[in-house]
Protein backbone atom coordinates (compact mmCIF):
# COMPACT_ATOMS: atom_id res chain seq x y z
CA UNK A 1 19.41 -46.48 0.71
CA UNK A 2 17.22 -47.20 -2.31
CA UNK A 3 18.01 -45.76 -5.72
CA UNK A 4 14.86 -43.62 -5.46
CA UNK A 5 16.15 -42.21 -2.15
CA UNK A 6 19.55 -41.42 -3.70
CA UNK A 7 17.91 -39.68 -6.67
CA UNK A 8 15.65 -37.71 -4.33
CA UNK A 9 18.65 -36.70 -2.19
CA UNK A 10 20.64 -35.67 -5.26
CA UNK A 11 17.75 -33.53 -6.58
CA UNK A 12 17.33 -31.84 -3.20
CA UNK A 13 21.07 -31.00 -3.06
CA UNK A 14 21.00 -29.80 -6.68
CA UNK A 15 18.01 -27.53 -6.01
CA UNK A 16 19.65 -26.10 -2.88
CA UNK A 17 22.89 -25.50 -4.81
CA UNK A 18 20.93 -23.61 -7.48
CA UNK A 19 19.01 -21.66 -4.86
CA UNK A 20 22.29 -20.81 -3.09
CA UNK A 21 23.70 -19.44 -6.37
CA UNK A 22 20.52 -17.53 -7.21
CA UNK A 23 20.18 -15.86 -3.82
CA UNK A 24 23.92 -15.11 -3.59
CA UNK A 25 23.99 -13.26 -6.91
CA UNK A 26 20.67 -11.52 -6.21
CA UNK A 27 21.87 -10.33 -2.81
CA UNK A 28 25.07 -9.02 -4.41
CA UNK A 29 23.03 -7.31 -7.14
CA UNK A 30 20.61 -5.69 -4.71
CA UNK A 31 23.51 -4.53 -2.52
CA UNK A 32 25.19 -3.03 -5.59
CA UNK A 33 21.95 -1.37 -6.71
CA UNK A 34 21.39 0.07 -3.24
CA UNK A 35 24.88 1.55 -3.32
CA UNK A 36 24.46 2.91 -6.88
CA UNK A 37 21.38 4.87 -5.82
CA UNK A 38 23.16 5.97 -2.66
CA UNK A 39 25.97 7.35 -4.84
CA UNK A 40 23.53 9.07 -7.18
CA UNK A 41 21.63 10.54 -4.24
CA UNK A 42 24.88 11.74 -2.67
CA UNK A 43 25.52 13.87 -5.77
CA UNK A 44 21.99 14.78 -6.92
CA UNK A 45 19.95 14.84 -3.69
CA UNK A 46 19.50 18.63 -3.85
CA UNK A 47 18.36 18.57 -7.46
CA UNK A 48 14.64 19.40 -7.40
CA UNK A 49 13.83 17.04 -10.28
CA UNK A 50 16.27 14.16 -9.85
CA UNK A 51 16.58 14.06 -6.05
CA UNK A 52 13.03 12.73 -5.55
CA UNK A 53 13.21 10.33 -8.53
CA UNK A 54 16.43 8.77 -7.27
CA UNK A 55 15.15 8.64 -3.68
CA UNK A 56 12.01 6.78 -4.75
CA UNK A 57 14.04 4.19 -6.66
CA UNK A 58 16.53 3.93 -3.80
CA UNK A 59 13.71 3.26 -1.32
CA UNK A 60 12.57 0.29 -3.41
CA UNK A 61 16.15 -1.01 -3.62
CA UNK A 62 16.41 -0.79 0.18
CA UNK A 63 13.28 -2.97 0.43
CA UNK A 64 14.77 -5.46 -2.04
CA UNK A 65 18.03 -5.65 -0.10
CA UNK A 66 16.20 -6.14 3.19
CA UNK A 67 14.16 -8.97 1.64
CA UNK A 68 17.30 -10.57 0.20
CA UNK A 69 18.90 -10.48 3.66
CA UNK A 70 15.83 -12.26 5.01
CA UNK A 71 15.87 -14.90 2.24
CA UNK A 72 19.59 -15.59 2.81
CA UNK A 73 18.76 -16.40 6.43
CA UNK A 74 15.53 -18.26 5.69
CA UNK A 75 17.09 -20.58 3.10
CA UNK A 76 20.53 -20.74 4.77
CA UNK A 77 22.39 -19.62 1.68
CA UNK A 78 25.81 -18.01 1.67
CA UNK A 79 26.46 -14.47 0.57
CA UNK A 80 29.21 -13.40 -1.78
CA UNK A 81 32.57 -12.85 -0.09
CA UNK A 82 32.97 -9.85 -2.40
CA UNK A 83 30.36 -7.78 -0.51
CA UNK A 84 32.79 -4.89 0.10
CA UNK A 85 33.52 -4.78 -3.63
CA UNK A 86 29.79 -4.63 -4.53
CA UNK A 87 29.25 -1.92 -1.93
CA UNK A 88 32.18 0.33 -2.88
CA UNK A 89 31.91 -0.37 -6.61
CA UNK A 90 28.19 0.41 -6.64
CA UNK A 91 28.66 3.68 -4.77
CA UNK A 92 31.45 4.73 -7.12
CA UNK A 93 29.42 3.84 -10.22
CA UNK A 94 26.45 5.85 -8.95
CA UNK A 95 28.38 8.88 -7.74
CA UNK A 96 30.70 9.08 -10.76
CA UNK A 97 27.90 8.85 -13.33
CA UNK A 98 25.81 11.37 -11.36
CA UNK A 99 28.84 13.72 -11.25
CA UNK A 100 28.94 13.52 -15.04
CA UNK A 101 25.37 14.86 -15.14
CA UNK A 102 21.76 13.84 -14.65
CA UNK A 103 21.55 12.28 -18.11
CA UNK A 104 24.55 10.05 -17.41
CA UNK A 105 23.00 9.05 -14.07
CA UNK A 106 19.89 7.98 -15.97
CA UNK A 107 22.03 6.13 -18.55
CA UNK A 108 23.60 4.24 -15.63
CA UNK A 109 20.18 3.44 -14.19
CA UNK A 110 18.80 2.28 -17.53
CA UNK A 111 21.82 0.08 -18.29
CA UNK A 112 21.97 -1.52 -14.83
CA UNK A 113 18.23 -2.12 -14.62
CA UNK A 114 18.13 -3.59 -18.13
CA UNK A 115 20.67 -6.26 -17.13
CA UNK A 116 18.98 -6.88 -13.76
CA UNK A 117 15.52 -7.26 -15.33
CA UNK A 118 16.84 -9.78 -17.85
CA UNK A 119 18.68 -11.61 -15.08
CA UNK A 120 15.54 -11.89 -12.92
CA UNK A 121 13.59 -13.17 -15.95
CA UNK A 122 16.26 -15.84 -16.54
CA UNK A 123 16.15 -16.90 -12.89
CA UNK A 124 12.36 -17.10 -12.83
CA UNK A 125 12.43 -19.32 -15.92
CA UNK A 126 15.14 -21.48 -14.34
CA UNK A 127 13.14 -21.99 -11.14
CA UNK A 128 10.00 -22.80 -13.11
CA UNK A 129 11.90 -25.30 -15.29
CA UNK A 130 14.40 -26.93 -12.93
CA UNK A 131 13.05 -26.21 -9.49
CA UNK A 132 9.92 -27.04 -7.60
CA UNK A 133 7.49 -24.18 -8.37
CA UNK A 134 5.22 -25.11 -5.44
CA UNK A 135 8.06 -25.06 -2.91
CA UNK A 136 9.52 -21.98 -4.61
CA UNK A 137 6.30 -19.95 -4.61
CA UNK A 138 7.58 -17.39 -2.10
CA UNK A 139 10.85 -16.87 -4.00
CA UNK A 140 9.07 -16.64 -7.36
CA UNK A 141 6.69 -14.03 -5.97
CA UNK A 142 9.55 -11.91 -4.59
CA UNK A 143 11.75 -12.20 -7.70
CA UNK A 144 8.77 -11.26 -9.90
CA UNK A 145 8.11 -8.17 -7.78
CA UNK A 146 11.79 -7.18 -7.84
CA UNK A 147 11.86 -7.66 -11.62
CA UNK A 148 8.80 -5.45 -12.06
CA UNK A 149 10.33 -2.72 -9.85
CA UNK A 150 13.60 -2.88 -11.80
CA UNK A 151 11.69 -2.67 -15.10
CA UNK A 152 9.92 0.44 -13.81
CA UNK A 153 13.29 2.01 -12.88
CA UNK A 154 14.60 1.17 -16.36
CA UNK A 155 11.55 2.68 -18.07
CA UNK A 156 11.70 5.83 -15.92
CA UNK A 157 15.37 6.37 -16.77
CA UNK A 158 14.86 5.65 -20.48
CA UNK A 159 11.92 8.05 -20.70
CA UNK A 160 13.94 10.75 -18.95
CA UNK A 161 16.89 10.29 -21.34
CA UNK A 162 14.56 10.55 -24.32
CA UNK A 163 13.14 13.79 -22.92
CA UNK A 164 16.62 15.21 -22.27
CA UNK A 165 17.75 14.34 -25.80
CA UNK A 166 14.61 15.97 -27.24
CA UNK A 167 15.19 19.13 -25.18
CA UNK A 168 18.92 19.29 -25.96
CA UNK A 169 20.08 22.08 -28.25
CA UNK A 170 23.17 21.59 -30.37
CA UNK A 171 25.08 18.42 -31.23
CA UNK A 172 23.87 15.23 -29.58
CA UNK A 173 26.51 13.33 -27.62
CA UNK A 174 26.29 9.54 -27.72
CA UNK A 175 25.83 7.75 -24.41
CA UNK A 176 26.52 4.37 -26.01
CA UNK A 177 30.14 4.00 -24.73
CA UNK A 178 28.98 4.60 -21.14
CA UNK A 179 26.02 2.24 -21.57
CA UNK A 180 28.26 -0.51 -22.98
CA UNK A 181 30.83 -0.10 -20.19
CA UNK A 182 28.14 -0.38 -17.50
CA UNK A 183 26.61 -3.35 -19.29
CA UNK A 184 30.00 -5.12 -19.31
CA UNK A 185 30.63 -4.38 -15.61
CA UNK A 186 27.17 -5.68 -14.64
CA UNK A 187 27.51 -8.91 -16.63
CA UNK A 188 30.99 -9.56 -15.20
CA UNK A 189 29.72 -8.85 -11.68
CA UNK A 190 26.90 -11.37 -12.09
CA UNK A 191 29.36 -14.06 -13.21
CA UNK A 192 31.65 -13.33 -10.26
CA UNK A 193 28.84 -13.32 -7.72
CA UNK A 194 27.53 -16.66 -9.00
CA UNK A 195 30.87 -18.25 -8.11
CA UNK A 196 32.33 -16.25 -5.20
């Protein structure tokens, strides 16, 4: 084999390895997000204001998860072996924060979607820099759509929190400890899903 053939083969394996990592962590993230909204819906589905908001976001997450399932098959990438953890952990995060109140559910949504949006932006940049943008057109299109949906969820939750804080009478309670805890869990989950 010529040196050009070896380099070409190495680049193809490297790109597939990166794609495998990207789709594995994205599938894990979309599974977790689906379960978070399931947990929030389980608690707040009868709430006239928050039930429909959560259901709308959950419907988009279901579409994302379905698309990730398809991409895992299409590109023959492996899923995370921690799927049960993402599923149970996501449901618990959603249901526990929703049980704390609608504002805490929106804090959870804002924190999770902030990390996810940044993560999708990083992946899009990585594909454009290290990958083959022409061959990756389909993936770039899907990741860009997912990122935009997640940004919308983030903005919806942030706007709602601002409104709740404005309407609140009495001392304002800080949501920063909850936000930081969720942020830490999300970042750790991404690192785990990239490897396992």
